[in-house]
Amino acid sequence: MKTLKRWCAVVWLSVMLGVVAAAQQPPQQPSQQDEFLTLDQLPPQDQMPAAPLLIGAYAFVLAVLFFYVWSVARRLTTVQQEITRLDSAIKQGNKG
């Protein structure tokens, strides 16, 4: 128990020292621009290739969604087959 308290104290002290160190640094002022710049006027390091990332994200989400729906449909088919089997077993048991 003492070891846990020591680790908690060390973690807390580290976090507090990091907060204090971050608070002592002066904030950096962003450079002000005077006018609107179109995308083709920006330097290459400031341009973000958002369209391929967005399309990739949507494709990933759709792939996961289709996999989930396929998985649920497969399990539902298995359950339906089991219900059909049990129903026929019950009917055969009542006849005999």
Protein backbone atom coordinates (compact mmCIF):
# COMPACT_ATOMS: atom_id res chain seq x y z
CA MET A 1 0.00 0.00 0.00
CA LYS A 2 2.90 2.32 0.76
CA THR A 3 4.36 1.64 -2.67
CA LEU A 4 1.09 2.67 -4.33
CA LYS A 5 1.00 5.89 -2.34
CA ARG A 6 4.59 6.62 -3.29
CA TRP A 7 3.88 6.04 -6.99
CA CYS A 8 0.81 8.27 -6.81
CA ALA A 9 2.85 10.98 -5.12
CA VAL A 10 5.58 10.72 -7.77
CA VAL A 11 3.05 10.91 -10.60
CA TRP A 12 1.24 13.84 -8.99
CA LEU A 13 4.52 15.68 -8.39
CA SER A 14 5.61 15.08 -11.99
CA VAL A 15 2.33 16.43 -13.33
CA MET A 16 2.49 19.48 -11.11
CA LEU A 17 6.08 20.21 -12.12
CA GLY A 18 5.09 19.92 -15.77
CA VAL A 19 2.18 22.30 -15.27
CA VAL A 20 4.39 24.82 -13.52
CA ALA A 21 7.06 24.55 -16.22
CA ALA A 22 4.47 24.99 -18.97
CA ALA A 23 2.94 27.99 -17.21
CA GLN A 24 6.30 29.75 -16.97
CA GLN A 25 6.89 29.72 -20.72
CA PRO A 26 5.61 32.84 -22.46
CA PRO A 27 2.82 32.17 -24.95
CA GLN A 28 3.82 32.35 -28.58
CA GLN A 29 1.91 34.90 -30.60
CA PRO A 30 0.68 33.67 -33.97
CA SER A 31 1.76 35.72 -36.93
CA GLN A 32 -0.93 38.08 -38.11
CA GLN A 33 -1.84 38.21 -41.76
CA ASP A 34 -3.38 41.24 -43.34
CA GLU A 35 -5.46 39.65 -46.05
CA PHE A 36 -7.09 36.44 -47.18
CA LEU A 37 -4.86 34.03 -49.08
CA THR A 38 -6.23 31.42 -51.45
CA LEU A 39 -5.06 27.84 -51.15
CA ASP A 40 -2.76 28.00 -54.15
CA GLN A 41 -0.93 30.98 -52.60
CA LEU A 42 -0.06 29.14 -49.39
CA PRO A 43 3.32 27.47 -48.98
CA PRO A 44 3.26 23.65 -49.32
CA GLN A 45 3.84 23.04 -45.60
CA ASP A 46 0.64 24.98 -44.76
CA GLN A 47 -1.59 23.10 -47.18
CA MET A 48 -3.47 20.13 -45.75
CA PRO A 49 -4.47 17.21 -47.95
CA ALA A 50 -7.89 16.92 -46.28
CA ALA A 51 -9.84 15.28 -49.09
CA PRO A 52 -7.87 11.98 -49.20
CA LEU A 53 -7.95 11.74 -45.41
CA LEU A 54 -11.69 12.40 -45.30
CA ILE A 55 -12.40 9.85 -48.03
CA GLY A 56 -10.20 7.32 -46.23
CA ALA A 57 -12.01 7.91 -42.95
CA TYR A 58 -15.43 7.46 -44.57
CA ALA A 59 -14.25 4.33 -46.38
CA PHE A 60 -12.96 2.87 -43.12
CA VAL A 61 -16.19 3.62 -41.25
CA LEU A 62 -18.30 2.14 -44.06
CA ALA A 63 -16.12 -0.98 -44.20
CA VAL A 64 -16.50 -1.49 -40.45
CA LEU A 65 -20.25 -0.88 -40.68
CA PHE A 66 -20.66 -3.40 -43.51
CA PHE A 67 -18.59 -5.96 -41.60
CA TYR A 68 -20.76 -5.45 -38.52
CA VAL A 69 -24.01 -5.81 -40.48
CA TRP A 70 -22.67 -8.95 -42.22
CA SER A 71 -21.63 -10.39 -38.85
CA VAL A 72 -25.03 -9.74 -37.28
CA ALA A 73 -26.83 -11.18 -40.32
CA ARG A 74 -24.70 -14.33 -40.18
CA ARG A 75 -25.38 -14.80 -36.47
CA LEU A 76 -29.08 -14.14 -37.00
CA THR A 77 -29.18 -16.82 -39.70
CA THR A 78 -27.55 -19.27 -37.30
CA VAL A 79 -30.11 -18.45 -34.60
CA GLN A 80 -32.97 -18.81 -37.10
CA GLN A 81 -31.68 -22.25 -38.14
CA GLU A 82 -31.45 -23.29 -34.49
CA ILE A 83 -35.02 -22.12 -33.84
CA THR A 84 -36.24 -24.07 -36.88
CA ARG A 85 -34.40 -27.18 -35.68
CA LEU A 86 -35.83 -26.89 -32.16
CA ASP A 87 -39.33 -26.26 -33.52
CA SER A 88 -39.17 -29.42 -35.64
CA ALA A 89 -37.79 -31.39 -32.67
CA ILE A 90 -40.66 -30.19 -30.48
CA LYS A 91 -43.23 -31.12 -33.15
CA GLN A 92 -41.71 -34.57 -33.55
CA GLY A 93 -41.67 -35.05 -29.78
CA ASN A 94 -45.40 -34.19 -29.48
CA LYS A 95 -46.39 -36.69 -32.18
CA GLY A 96 -44.67 -39.67 -30.64
